[in-house]
């Protein structure tokens, strides 16, 4: 059986070798290529910067605002406080102000579109409930984490609705 396989492999190898035939071009192609490269009509016009010509520029700006908000919130969370301050309550207030600013940027980038949906209203209700619970229990860190998560989901969904 191995002899038969070797014969097939040899025949296949010979057949493949006979397929390769190098044929030089009928004429020298380089002068035509060089002249086409030198033609000014084929040179691409200079491109504008991506952020200046892109329809994604408002979304890039909104994403930058969201990142800045989160960095400011983290910086604020690490700032030293006196023991009498209601740290979590102050963080929630700062986070809410930053969230509202980011939301204004996103909705302003899509002024012709309706940026509302039942899901967005539900996230707004959830955020209001969490803020209310924080007023009753201002030291509940897990509520602050839930508020941050809700705001992140709301901003992401708002961007998706505005883009559609």
N, C-alpha and C. Protein backbone atom coordinates (compact mmCIF):
# COMPACT_ATOMS: atom_id res chain seq x y z
N UNK A 1 0.82 -1.18 0.00
CA UNK A 1 0.00 0.00 0.00
C UNK A 1 0.87 1.26 0.00
N UNK A 2 2.00 1.19 0.68
CA UNK A 2 2.88 2.34 0.72
C UNK A 2 3.48 2.64 -0.65
N UNK A 3 3.75 1.62 -1.43
CA UNK A 3 4.31 1.84 -2.76
C UNK A 3 3.32 2.60 -3.63
N UNK A 4 2.04 2.26 -3.48
CA UNK A 4 1.01 2.93 -4.26
C UNK A 4 0.95 4.41 -3.87
N UNK A 5 1.04 4.70 -2.56
CA UNK A 5 1.03 6.09 -2.08
C UNK A 5 2.22 6.86 -2.61
N UNK A 6 3.39 6.24 -2.63
CA UNK A 6 4.59 6.91 -3.13
C UNK A 6 4.46 7.22 -4.62
N UNK A 7 3.82 6.28 -5.36
CA UNK A 7 3.61 6.52 -6.78
C UNK A 7 2.68 7.70 -7.01
N UNK A 8 1.61 7.78 -6.18
CA UNK A 8 0.69 8.90 -6.30
C UNK A 8 1.38 10.21 -5.93
N UNK A 9 2.17 10.17 -4.86
CA UNK A 9 2.88 11.38 -4.45
C UNK A 9 3.86 11.82 -5.53
N UNK A 10 4.56 10.89 -6.12
CA UNK A 10 5.50 11.22 -7.19
C UNK A 10 4.77 11.77 -8.41
N UNK A 11 3.67 11.14 -8.77
CA UNK A 11 2.89 11.60 -9.93
C UNK A 11 2.31 12.99 -9.66
N UNK A 12 1.85 13.19 -8.45
CA UNK A 12 1.30 14.49 -8.08
C UNK A 12 2.39 15.56 -8.12
N UNK A 13 3.54 15.21 -7.57
CA UNK A 13 4.66 16.14 -7.55
C UNK A 13 5.08 16.50 -8.99
N UNK A 14 5.15 15.51 -9.87
CA UNK A 14 5.52 15.78 -11.27
C UNK A 14 4.46 16.65 -11.96
N UNK A 15 3.21 16.36 -11.66
CA UNK A 15 2.13 17.15 -12.27
C UNK A 15 2.17 18.60 -11.81
N UNK A 16 2.44 18.80 -10.54
CA UNK A 16 2.53 20.17 -10.02
C UNK A 16 3.72 20.92 -10.61
N UNK A 17 4.83 20.23 -10.80
CA UNK A 17 6.01 20.88 -11.38
C UNK A 17 5.75 21.29 -12.83
N UNK A 18 4.97 20.50 -13.53
CA UNK A 18 4.71 20.83 -14.93
C UNK A 18 3.75 22.01 -15.06
N UNK A 19 3.01 22.34 -14.00
CA UNK A 19 2.11 23.48 -14.06
C UNK A 19 2.86 24.80 -14.01
N UNK A 20 3.99 24.84 -13.37
CA UNK A 20 4.73 26.09 -13.21
C UNK A 20 5.51 26.37 -14.48
N UNK A 21 5.09 27.41 -15.12
CA UNK A 21 5.79 27.86 -16.32
C UNK A 21 5.96 29.36 -16.19
N UNK A 22 7.20 29.80 -16.06
CA UNK A 22 7.48 31.23 -15.97
C UNK A 22 7.47 31.81 -17.37
N UNK A 23 6.64 32.84 -17.54
CA UNK A 23 6.60 33.51 -18.84
C UNK A 23 6.92 34.99 -18.61
N UNK A 24 7.93 35.47 -19.26
CA UNK A 24 8.28 36.89 -19.11
C UNK A 24 7.23 37.74 -19.82
N UNK A 25 7.04 38.99 -19.38
CA UNK A 25 6.07 39.87 -20.06
C UNK A 25 6.53 40.14 -21.50
N UNK A 26 5.58 40.43 -22.34
CA UNK A 26 5.88 40.66 -23.75
C UNK A 26 6.70 41.93 -23.95
N UNK A 27 6.59 42.90 -23.05
CA UNK A 27 7.36 44.13 -23.13
C UNK A 27 7.72 44.57 -21.72
N UNK A 28 8.59 45.55 -21.62
CA UNK A 28 9.01 46.08 -20.33
C UNK A 28 7.88 46.92 -19.75
N UNK A 29 7.39 46.57 -18.59
CA UNK A 29 6.24 47.24 -17.98
C UNK A 29 6.63 48.47 -17.16
N UNK A 30 7.88 48.59 -16.76
CA UNK A 30 8.28 49.66 -15.85
C UNK A 30 8.04 51.07 -16.38
N UNK A 31 8.29 51.39 -17.65
CA UNK A 31 8.04 52.77 -18.11
C UNK A 31 6.57 53.20 -17.93
N UNK A 32 5.63 52.30 -18.20
CA UNK A 32 4.21 52.64 -18.00
C UNK A 32 3.91 52.86 -16.52
N UNK A 33 4.46 52.03 -15.66
CA UNK A 33 4.23 52.16 -14.21
C UNK A 33 4.80 53.49 -13.71
N UNK A 34 6.01 53.81 -14.13
CA UNK A 34 6.65 55.05 -13.69
C UNK A 34 5.86 56.27 -14.15
N UNK A 35 5.36 56.25 -15.37
CA UNK A 35 4.61 57.41 -15.87
C UNK A 35 3.28 57.57 -15.12
N UNK A 36 2.65 56.49 -14.77
CA UNK A 36 1.39 56.57 -14.01
C UNK A 36 1.62 57.08 -12.59
N UNK A 37 2.72 56.69 -12.00
CA UNK A 37 3.04 57.17 -10.65
C UNK A 37 3.28 58.68 -10.69
N UNK A 38 3.90 59.16 -11.74
CA UNK A 38 4.25 60.57 -11.85
C UNK A 38 3.06 61.44 -12.21
N UNK A 39 1.97 60.89 -12.73
CA UNK A 39 0.81 61.68 -13.13
C UNK A 39 0.18 62.33 -11.90
N UNK A 40 -0.02 63.65 -11.94
CA UNK A 40 -0.62 64.33 -10.79
C UNK A 40 -2.09 64.00 -10.59
N UNK A 41 -2.79 63.61 -11.64
CA UNK A 41 -4.21 63.32 -11.51
C UNK A 41 -4.47 62.07 -10.67
N UNK A 42 -3.50 61.20 -10.57
CA UNK A 42 -3.69 59.99 -9.80
C UNK A 42 -3.23 60.13 -8.36
N UNK A 43 -2.63 61.25 -8.03
CA UNK A 43 -2.18 61.46 -6.66
C UNK A 43 -3.41 61.81 -5.83
N UNK A 44 -3.57 61.14 -4.72
CA UNK A 44 -4.73 61.37 -3.86
C UNK A 44 -4.65 62.76 -3.23
N UNK A 45 -5.80 63.46 -3.15
CA UNK A 45 -5.79 64.77 -2.50
C UNK A 45 -5.48 64.60 -1.01
N UNK A 46 -4.91 65.62 -0.39
CA UNK A 46 -4.60 65.49 1.04
C UNK A 46 -5.89 65.28 1.83
N UNK A 47 -5.81 64.40 2.79
CA UNK A 47 -6.98 64.07 3.60
C UNK A 47 -7.06 64.99 4.80
N UNK A 48 -8.30 65.29 5.17
CA UNK A 48 -8.49 66.07 6.39
C UNK A 48 -8.23 65.16 7.57
N UNK A 49 -7.99 65.76 8.67
CA UNK A 49 -7.80 64.98 9.89
C UNK A 49 -9.08 64.20 10.17
N UNK A 50 -8.93 63.03 10.77
CA UNK A 50 -10.08 62.16 11.04
C UNK A 50 -11.13 62.86 11.87
N UNK A 51 -10.71 63.56 12.89
CA UNK A 51 -11.68 64.18 13.78
C UNK A 51 -12.39 65.35 13.14
N UNK A 52 -11.81 65.97 12.12
CA UNK A 52 -12.45 67.11 11.48
C UNK A 52 -13.45 66.69 10.43
N UNK A 53 -13.25 65.53 9.81
CA UNK A 53 -14.12 65.12 8.72
C UNK A 53 -15.04 63.98 9.10
N UNK A 54 -14.87 63.43 10.25
CA UNK A 54 -15.61 62.24 10.62
C UNK A 54 -16.96 62.58 11.22
N UNK A 55 -17.93 61.74 10.95
CA UNK A 55 -19.23 61.88 11.61
C UNK A 55 -19.16 61.31 13.02
N UNK A 56 -18.05 60.70 13.34
CA UNK A 56 -17.88 60.13 14.69
C UNK A 56 -17.31 61.16 15.66
N UNK A 57 -16.97 62.35 15.19
CA UNK A 57 -16.36 63.36 16.07
C UNK A 57 -17.24 63.67 17.28
N UNK A 58 -18.57 63.85 17.13
CA UNK A 58 -19.37 64.11 18.33
C UNK A 58 -19.33 62.95 19.32
N UNK A 59 -19.26 61.74 18.82
CA UNK A 59 -19.23 60.58 19.71
C UNK A 59 -17.88 60.48 20.40
N UNK A 60 -16.83 60.83 19.69
CA UNK A 60 -15.51 60.84 20.32
C UNK A 60 -15.47 61.88 21.42
N UNK A 61 -16.09 63.04 21.17
CA UNK A 61 -16.15 64.08 22.19
C UNK A 61 -16.95 63.61 23.39
N UNK A 62 -18.09 62.97 23.14
CA UNK A 62 -18.92 62.48 24.24
C UNK A 62 -18.18 61.41 25.05
N UNK A 63 -17.47 60.53 24.36
CA UNK A 63 -16.71 59.50 25.07
C UNK A 63 -15.61 60.13 25.91
N UNK A 64 -14.99 61.19 25.38
CA UNK A 64 -13.95 61.89 26.15
C UNK A 64 -14.53 62.51 27.40
N UNK A 65 -15.74 63.07 27.27
CA UNK A 65 -16.39 63.67 28.44
C UNK A 65 -16.69 62.61 29.49
N UNK A 66 -17.18 61.47 29.04
CA UNK A 66 -17.49 60.39 29.98
C UNK A 66 -16.22 59.93 30.71
N UNK A 67 -15.14 59.79 29.97
CA UNK A 67 -13.87 59.39 30.60
C UNK A 67 -13.42 60.45 31.59
N UNK A 68 -13.52 61.72 31.19
CA UNK A 68 -13.12 62.79 32.10
C UNK A 68 -13.98 62.79 33.36
N UNK A 69 -15.27 62.55 33.19
CA UNK A 69 -16.17 62.49 34.35
C UNK A 69 -15.75 61.39 35.29
N UNK A 70 -15.46 60.23 34.74
CA UNK A 70 -15.09 59.10 35.60
C UNK A 70 -13.74 59.35 36.29
N UNK A 71 -12.80 59.97 35.59
CA UNK A 71 -11.51 60.28 36.21
C UNK A 71 -11.68 61.32 37.32
N UNK A 72 -12.50 62.33 37.07
CA UNK A 72 -12.76 63.33 38.11
C UNK A 72 -13.43 62.70 39.32
N UNK A 73 -14.37 61.81 39.05
CA UNK A 73 -15.07 61.16 40.16
C UNK A 73 -14.09 60.32 40.99
N UNK A 74 -13.21 59.58 40.32
CA UNK A 74 -12.24 58.79 41.05
C UNK A 74 -11.27 59.68 41.83
N UNK A 75 -10.87 60.78 41.22
CA UNK A 75 -9.97 61.71 41.92
C UNK A 75 -10.67 62.29 43.15
N UNK A 76 -11.93 62.64 42.98
CA UNK A 76 -12.70 63.18 44.10
C UNK A 76 -12.86 62.14 45.20
N UNK A 77 -13.01 60.88 44.82
CA UNK A 77 -13.18 59.82 45.82
C UNK A 77 -11.90 59.62 46.62
N UNK A 78 -10.74 59.90 46.04
CA UNK A 78 -9.47 59.70 46.72
C UNK A 78 -9.02 60.92 47.53
N UNK A 79 -9.71 62.05 47.34
CA UNK A 79 -9.31 63.27 48.04
C UNK A 79 -9.55 63.12 49.54
N UNK A 80 -8.66 63.66 50.36
CA UNK A 80 -8.85 63.54 51.81
C UNK A 80 -10.07 64.34 52.29
N UNK A 81 -10.79 63.79 53.22
CA UNK A 81 -12.00 64.42 53.77
C UNK A 81 -11.92 64.40 55.29
N UNK A 82 -12.63 65.31 55.88
CA UNK A 82 -12.72 65.26 57.33
C UNK A 82 -13.72 64.19 57.71
N UNK A 83 -13.60 63.61 58.90
CA UNK A 83 -14.51 62.53 59.29
C UNK A 83 -15.96 62.96 59.37
N UNK A 84 -16.21 64.26 59.53
CA UNK A 84 -17.59 64.72 59.67
C UNK A 84 -18.30 64.86 58.32
N UNK A 85 -17.53 64.91 57.24
CA UNK A 85 -18.15 65.02 55.92
C UNK A 85 -18.92 63.75 55.60
N UNK A 86 -20.00 63.92 54.88
CA UNK A 86 -20.76 62.76 54.40
C UNK A 86 -20.22 62.43 53.02
N UNK A 87 -19.13 61.70 53.03
CA UNK A 87 -18.34 61.44 51.83
C UNK A 87 -19.18 60.84 50.69
N UNK A 88 -19.89 59.81 50.98
CA UNK A 88 -20.64 59.11 49.93
C UNK A 88 -21.73 60.00 49.36
N UNK A 89 -22.38 60.76 50.22
CA UNK A 89 -23.43 61.67 49.76
C UNK A 89 -22.83 62.74 48.84
N UNK A 90 -21.67 63.27 49.20
CA UNK A 90 -21.01 64.28 48.37
C UNK A 90 -20.55 63.68 47.05
N UNK A 91 -20.06 62.46 47.10
CA UNK A 91 -19.64 61.79 45.86
C UNK A 91 -20.83 61.59 44.94
N UNK A 92 -21.95 61.20 45.51
CA UNK A 92 -23.16 60.98 44.70
C UNK A 92 -23.61 62.29 44.06
N UNK A 93 -23.54 63.39 44.79
CA UNK A 93 -23.93 64.68 44.23
C UNK A 93 -22.98 65.09 43.10
N UNK A 94 -21.68 64.92 43.32
CA UNK A 94 -20.70 65.26 42.29
C UNK A 94 -20.88 64.37 41.06
N UNK A 95 -21.10 63.09 41.29
CA UNK A 95 -21.29 62.15 40.19
C UNK A 95 -22.54 62.53 39.39
N UNK A 96 -23.60 62.94 40.07
CA UNK A 96 -24.83 63.32 39.39
C UNK A 96 -24.60 64.56 38.53
N UNK A 97 -23.88 65.55 39.06
CA UNK A 97 -23.58 66.75 38.27
C UNK A 97 -22.76 66.39 37.03
N UNK A 98 -21.75 65.56 37.19
CA UNK A 98 -20.91 65.16 36.07
C UNK A 98 -21.69 64.35 35.04
N UNK A 99 -22.55 63.47 35.52
CA UNK A 99 -23.41 62.68 34.64
C UNK A 99 -24.32 63.59 33.82
N UNK A 100 -24.93 64.58 34.47
CA UNK A 100 -25.83 65.49 33.76
C UNK A 100 -25.08 66.28 32.70
N UNK A 101 -23.84 66.68 33.00
CA UNK A 101 -23.04 67.38 32.00
C UNK A 101 -22.72 66.49 30.81
N UNK A 102 -22.35 65.25 31.07
CA UNK A 102 -22.04 64.32 29.98
C UNK A 102 -23.30 64.04 29.15
N UNK A 103 -24.43 63.92 29.82
CA UNK A 103 -25.69 63.67 29.11
C UNK A 103 -26.04 64.85 28.20
N UNK A 104 -25.80 66.08 28.68
CA UNK A 104 -26.05 67.26 27.84
C UNK A 104 -25.17 67.24 26.59
N UNK A 105 -23.91 66.83 26.74
CA UNK A 105 -23.00 66.79 25.58
C UNK A 105 -23.49 65.76 24.57
N UNK A 106 -23.89 64.61 25.05
CA UNK A 106 -24.35 63.55 24.13
C UNK A 106 -25.62 63.99 23.40
N UNK A 107 -26.59 64.52 24.12
CA UNK A 107 -27.84 64.91 23.47
C UNK A 107 -27.64 66.11 22.56
N UNK A 108 -26.69 66.99 22.87
CA UNK A 108 -26.42 68.15 22.00
C UNK A 108 -25.76 67.71 20.70
N UNK A 109 -25.05 66.57 20.71
CA UNK A 109 -24.39 66.12 19.49
C UNK A 109 -25.36 65.50 18.51
N UNK A 110 -26.59 65.27 18.92
CA UNK A 110 -27.62 64.71 18.03
C UNK A 110 -28.89 65.55 18.17
N UNK A 111 -28.84 66.86 17.79
CA UNK A 111 -29.98 67.74 18.06
C UNK A 111 -31.23 67.42 17.24
N UNK A 112 -31.07 66.78 16.11
CA UNK A 112 -32.23 66.50 15.26
C UNK A 112 -32.92 65.19 15.60
N UNK A 113 -32.39 64.47 16.53
CA UNK A 113 -32.95 63.17 16.84
C UNK A 113 -33.61 63.18 18.21
N UNK A 114 -34.62 62.38 18.35
CA UNK A 114 -35.30 62.20 19.62
C UNK A 114 -34.47 61.22 20.44
N UNK A 115 -33.90 61.67 21.54
CA UNK A 115 -33.04 60.82 22.37
C UNK A 115 -33.86 60.42 23.60
N UNK A 116 -34.85 59.61 23.39
CA UNK A 116 -35.68 59.09 24.47
C UNK A 116 -36.13 57.69 24.12
N UNK A 117 -36.35 56.91 25.13
CA UNK A 117 -36.90 55.57 24.94
C UNK A 117 -37.40 55.09 26.30
N UNK A 118 -38.23 54.06 26.31
CA UNK A 118 -38.69 53.53 27.60
C UNK A 118 -37.54 53.03 28.48
N UNK A 119 -36.52 52.47 27.84
CA UNK A 119 -35.37 51.98 28.60
C UNK A 119 -34.63 53.13 29.29
N UNK A 120 -34.51 54.24 28.59
CA UNK A 120 -33.84 55.41 29.18
C UNK A 120 -34.65 55.94 30.36
N UNK A 121 -35.96 55.99 30.20
CA UNK A 121 -36.82 56.46 31.32
C UNK A 121 -36.70 55.52 32.52
N UNK A 122 -36.61 54.22 32.26
CA UNK A 122 -36.47 53.26 33.36
C UNK A 122 -35.14 53.45 34.08
N UNK A 123 -34.08 53.69 33.33
CA UNK A 123 -32.79 53.95 33.97
C UNK A 123 -32.84 55.25 34.79
N UNK A 124 -33.56 56.26 34.30
CA UNK A 124 -33.71 57.49 35.06
C UNK A 124 -34.46 57.22 36.38
N UNK A 125 -35.52 56.41 36.31
CA UNK A 125 -36.26 56.06 37.54
C UNK A 125 -35.36 55.31 38.52
N UNK A 126 -34.55 54.39 37.99
CA UNK A 126 -33.63 53.64 38.86
C UNK A 126 -32.64 54.57 39.54
N UNK A 127 -32.09 55.50 38.78
CA UNK A 127 -31.13 56.45 39.36
C UNK A 127 -31.80 57.29 40.44
N UNK A 128 -33.03 57.72 40.20
CA UNK A 128 -33.76 58.52 41.20
C UNK A 128 -33.99 57.70 42.47
N UNK A 129 -34.34 56.43 42.32
CA UNK A 129 -34.55 55.57 43.49
C UNK A 129 -33.25 55.37 44.26
N UNK A 130 -32.16 55.21 43.56
CA UNK A 130 -30.87 55.03 44.23
C UNK A 130 -30.48 56.31 44.98
N UNK A 131 -30.68 57.47 44.35
CA UNK A 131 -30.38 58.73 45.03
C UNK A 131 -31.25 58.90 46.27
N UNK A 132 -32.52 58.50 46.17
CA UNK A 132 -33.42 58.58 47.32
C UNK A 132 -32.94 57.66 48.45
N UNK A 133 -32.51 56.46 48.07
CA UNK A 133 -32.00 55.51 49.08
C UNK A 133 -30.72 56.05 49.72
N UNK A 134 -29.90 56.75 48.93
CA UNK A 134 -28.67 57.35 49.48
C UNK A 134 -28.99 58.45 50.48
N UNK A 135 -30.09 59.15 50.28
CA UNK A 135 -30.48 60.18 51.26
C UNK A 135 -30.89 59.54 52.59
N UNK A 136 -31.52 58.37 52.50
CA UNK A 136 -31.92 57.66 53.73
C UNK A 136 -30.73 57.00 54.40
N UNK A 137 -29.78 56.50 53.59
CA UNK A 137 -28.60 55.81 54.14
C UNK A 137 -27.36 56.38 53.45
N UNK A 138 -26.89 57.54 53.91
CA UNK A 138 -25.81 58.23 53.20
C UNK A 138 -24.44 57.55 53.28
N UNK A 139 -24.31 56.50 54.06
CA UNK A 139 -23.02 55.81 54.16
C UNK A 139 -22.99 54.49 53.39
N UNK A 140 -24.00 54.25 52.56
CA UNK A 140 -24.10 52.98 51.84
C UNK A 140 -23.27 53.05 50.55
N UNK A 141 -22.07 52.55 50.64
CA UNK A 141 -21.14 52.58 49.50
C UNK A 141 -21.68 51.79 48.31
N UNK A 142 -22.35 50.68 48.57
CA UNK A 142 -22.87 49.86 47.47
C UNK A 142 -23.90 50.63 46.65
N UNK A 143 -24.64 51.55 47.30
CA UNK A 143 -25.61 52.36 46.56
C UNK A 143 -24.89 53.32 45.61
N UNK A 144 -23.78 53.86 46.06
CA UNK A 144 -22.99 54.74 45.20
C UNK A 144 -22.47 53.97 43.99
N UNK A 145 -22.02 52.74 44.21
CA UNK A 145 -21.56 51.90 43.11
C UNK A 145 -22.70 51.61 42.13
N UNK A 146 -23.89 51.36 42.66
CA UNK A 146 -25.06 51.09 41.80
C UNK A 146 -25.42 52.34 40.99
N UNK A 147 -25.32 53.51 41.64
CA UNK A 147 -25.61 54.76 40.95
C UNK A 147 -24.63 54.98 39.80
N UNK A 148 -23.37 54.74 40.06
CA UNK A 148 -22.35 54.88 39.01
C UNK A 148 -22.66 53.93 37.86
N UNK A 149 -22.98 52.70 38.16
CA UNK A 149 -23.28 51.71 37.12
C UNK A 149 -24.52 52.14 36.31
N UNK A 150 -25.53 52.65 37.00
CA UNK A 150 -26.75 53.08 36.32
C UNK A 150 -26.46 54.26 35.40
N UNK A 151 -25.66 55.22 35.87
CA UNK A 151 -25.29 56.35 35.03
C UNK A 151 -24.50 55.90 33.81
N UNK A 152 -23.57 54.96 34.00
CA UNK A 152 -22.79 54.45 32.87
C UNK A 152 -23.70 53.79 31.83
N UNK A 153 -24.65 52.98 32.31
CA UNK A 153 -25.58 52.33 31.38
C UNK A 153 -26.43 53.36 30.67
N UNK A 154 -26.88 54.38 31.40
CA UNK A 154 -27.74 55.42 30.81
C UNK A 154 -26.98 56.18 29.72
N UNK A 155 -25.73 56.54 29.98
CA UNK A 155 -24.94 57.27 28.98
C UNK A 155 -24.68 56.41 27.74
N UNK A 156 -24.35 55.15 27.96
CA UNK A 156 -24.07 54.25 26.83
C UNK A 156 -25.34 54.05 25.98
N UNK A 157 -26.47 53.85 26.64
CA UNK A 157 -27.72 53.65 25.91
C UNK A 157 -28.14 54.94 25.19
N UNK A 158 -27.92 56.07 25.82
CA UNK A 158 -28.25 57.35 25.18
C UNK A 158 -27.43 57.52 23.91
N UNK A 159 -26.15 57.15 23.95
CA UNK A 159 -25.32 57.24 22.75
C UNK A 159 -25.86 56.34 21.65
N UNK A 160 -26.26 55.11 22.02
CA UNK A 160 -26.80 54.19 21.02
C UNK A 160 -28.09 54.72 20.41
N UNK A 161 -28.98 55.25 21.25
CA UNK A 161 -30.26 55.78 20.75
C UNK A 161 -30.00 56.98 19.85
N UNK A 162 -29.08 57.84 20.24
CA UNK A 162 -28.78 59.03 19.44
C UNK A 162 -28.16 58.67 18.10
N UNK A 163 -27.40 57.58 18.05
CA UNK A 163 -26.76 57.17 16.80
C UNK A 163 -27.74 56.51 15.84
N UNK A 164 -28.79 55.92 16.36
CA UNK A 164 -29.71 55.18 15.49
C UNK A 164 -30.67 56.09 14.77
